[in-house]
């Protein structure tokens, strides 16, 4: 049961992160800023940030 909850939490966190990235991309003023956001999002540290 714990394993299933962990998977659910991971999916929820990923969806929340994706929505935050989508919002940031929509407000990014320059292609350079968009690229920086994508670079940050693809880094391992981004996914390991504490909530």
N, C-alpha and C. Protein backbone atom coordinates (compact mmCIF):
# COMPACT_ATOMS: atom_id res chain seq x y z
N UNK A 1 0.83 -1.20 0.00
CA UNK A 1 0.00 0.00 0.00
C UNK A 1 0.87 1.26 0.00
N UNK A 2 1.93 1.24 0.77
CA UNK A 2 2.83 2.37 0.82
C UNK A 2 3.44 2.66 -0.55
N UNK A 3 3.75 1.59 -1.28
CA UNK A 3 4.33 1.76 -2.62
C UNK A 3 3.36 2.48 -3.55
N UNK A 4 2.09 2.12 -3.48
CA UNK A 4 1.08 2.77 -4.32
C UNK A 4 0.92 4.24 -3.97
N UNK A 5 0.95 4.56 -2.72
CA UNK A 5 0.83 5.96 -2.30
C UNK A 5 2.03 6.75 -2.76
N UNK A 6 3.20 6.14 -2.69
CA UNK A 6 4.41 6.81 -3.13
C UNK A 6 4.30 7.15 -4.62
N UNK A 7 3.81 6.22 -5.42
CA UNK A 7 3.64 6.46 -6.85
C UNK A 7 2.64 7.58 -7.11
N UNK A 8 1.58 7.60 -6.34
CA UNK A 8 0.57 8.64 -6.47
C UNK A 8 1.16 10.01 -6.13
N UNK A 9 1.95 10.04 -5.07
CA UNK A 9 2.58 11.30 -4.68
C UNK A 9 3.58 11.77 -5.72
N UNK A 10 4.32 10.82 -6.30
CA UNK A 10 5.28 11.19 -7.35
C UNK A 10 4.56 11.78 -8.56
N UNK A 11 3.46 11.16 -8.97
CA UNK A 11 2.71 11.68 -10.12
C UNK A 11 2.13 13.05 -9.83
N UNK A 12 1.63 13.23 -8.62
CA UNK A 12 1.06 14.53 -8.24
C UNK A 12 2.15 15.61 -8.23
N UNK A 13 3.31 15.27 -7.68
CA UNK A 13 4.42 16.22 -7.64
C UNK A 13 4.89 16.56 -9.05
N UNK A 14 4.97 15.55 -9.92
CA UNK A 14 5.40 15.79 -11.30
C UNK A 14 4.40 16.69 -12.02
N UNK A 15 3.12 16.48 -11.80
CA UNK A 15 2.09 17.32 -12.44
C UNK A 15 2.19 18.76 -11.93
N UNK A 16 2.43 18.90 -10.64
CA UNK A 16 2.57 20.25 -10.06
C UNK A 16 3.80 20.94 -10.64
N UNK A 17 4.89 20.20 -10.76
CA UNK A 17 6.12 20.77 -11.33
C UNK A 17 5.91 21.16 -12.79
N UNK A 18 5.20 20.31 -13.53
CA UNK A 18 4.93 20.59 -14.94
C UNK A 18 4.07 21.86 -15.09
N UNK A 19 3.06 21.99 -14.24
CA UNK A 19 2.22 23.20 -14.29
C UNK A 19 3.03 24.45 -13.97
N UNK A 20 3.91 24.35 -12.98
CA UNK A 20 4.76 25.49 -12.63
C UNK A 20 5.69 25.86 -13.78
N UNK A 21 6.25 24.84 -14.43
CA UNK A 21 7.13 25.11 -15.57
C UNK A 21 6.34 25.72 -16.73
N UNK A 22 5.16 25.20 -17.00
CA UNK A 22 4.32 25.76 -18.07
C UNK A 22 4.00 27.23 -17.80
N UNK A 23 3.68 27.55 -16.55
CA UNK A 23 3.37 28.93 -16.19
C UNK A 23 4.60 29.82 -16.35
N UNK A 24 5.75 29.35 -15.92
CA UNK A 24 6.98 30.13 -16.04
C UNK A 24 7.34 30.34 -17.51
N UNK A 25 7.15 29.31 -18.33
CA UNK A 25 7.46 29.43 -19.76
C UNK A 25 6.54 30.46 -20.42
N UNK A 26 5.30 30.50 -19.99
CA UNK A 26 4.34 31.45 -20.57
C UNK A 26 4.70 32.89 -20.24
N UNK A 27 5.35 33.10 -19.11
CA UNK A 27 5.68 34.47 -18.71
C UNK A 27 7.14 34.84 -19.02
N UNK A 28 7.91 33.90 -19.55
CA UNK A 28 9.31 34.18 -19.90
C UNK A 28 9.33 35.17 -21.07
N UNK A 29 10.11 36.23 -20.92
CA UNK A 29 10.11 37.31 -21.90
C UNK A 29 11.02 37.07 -23.10
N UNK A 30 12.02 36.23 -22.93
CA UNK A 30 13.00 36.04 -24.00
C UNK A 30 13.26 34.55 -24.23
N UNK A 31 13.71 34.21 -25.43
CA UNK A 31 14.08 32.81 -25.69
C UNK A 31 15.19 32.34 -24.75
N UNK A 32 16.10 33.23 -24.39
CA UNK A 32 17.18 32.86 -23.47
C UNK A 32 16.62 32.48 -22.10
N UNK A 33 15.60 33.21 -21.65
CA UNK A 33 14.99 32.89 -20.37
C UNK A 33 14.25 31.54 -20.45
N UNK A 34 13.58 31.29 -21.56
CA UNK A 34 12.91 30.01 -21.75
C UNK A 34 13.93 28.87 -21.73
N UNK A 35 15.06 29.06 -22.40
CA UNK A 35 16.09 28.03 -22.43
C UNK A 35 16.65 27.77 -21.03
N UNK A 36 16.83 28.82 -20.27
CA UNK A 36 17.31 28.67 -18.90
C UNK A 36 16.32 27.88 -18.06
N UNK A 37 15.04 28.16 -18.22
CA UNK A 37 14.01 27.41 -17.49
C UNK A 37 14.04 25.93 -17.87
N UNK A 38 14.18 25.65 -19.16
CA UNK A 38 14.23 24.26 -19.60
C UNK A 38 15.48 23.55 -19.09
N UNK A 39 16.59 24.26 -19.06
CA UNK A 39 17.83 23.69 -18.53
C UNK A 39 17.67 23.36 -17.05
N UNK A 40 17.10 24.28 -16.31
CA UNK A 40 16.87 24.06 -14.89
C UNK A 40 15.92 22.87 -14.67
N UNK A 41 14.84 22.83 -15.44
CA UNK A 41 13.85 21.78 -15.27
C UNK A 41 14.41 20.40 -15.60
N UNK A 42 15.37 20.33 -16.50
CA UNK A 42 15.93 19.03 -16.87
C UNK A 42 17.04 18.57 -15.94
N UNK A 43 17.45 19.45 -15.03
CA UNK A 43 18.52 19.07 -14.11
C UNK A 43 17.98 18.17 -13.00
N UNK A 44 18.81 17.32 -12.49
CA UNK A 44 18.42 16.39 -11.43
C UNK A 44 18.05 17.15 -10.15
N UNK A 45 18.74 18.25 -9.87
CA UNK A 45 18.49 19.00 -8.65
C UNK A 45 17.06 19.55 -8.61
N UNK A 46 16.52 19.92 -9.76
CA UNK A 46 15.17 20.48 -9.80
C UNK A 46 14.15 19.46 -9.29
N UNK A 47 14.32 18.22 -9.68
CA UNK A 47 13.37 17.19 -9.27
C UNK A 47 13.53 16.82 -7.79
N UNK A 48 14.69 17.09 -7.19
CA UNK A 48 14.94 16.72 -5.81
C UNK A 48 14.71 17.86 -4.82
N UNK A 49 14.18 18.98 -5.27
CA UNK A 49 13.96 20.10 -4.36
C UNK A 49 12.94 19.72 -3.30
N UNK A 50 13.20 20.06 -2.04
CA UNK A 50 12.23 19.75 -0.98
C UNK A 50 11.01 20.65 -1.11
N UNK A 51 9.89 20.17 -0.67
CA UNK A 51 8.65 20.94 -0.71
C UNK A 51 8.46 21.66 0.60
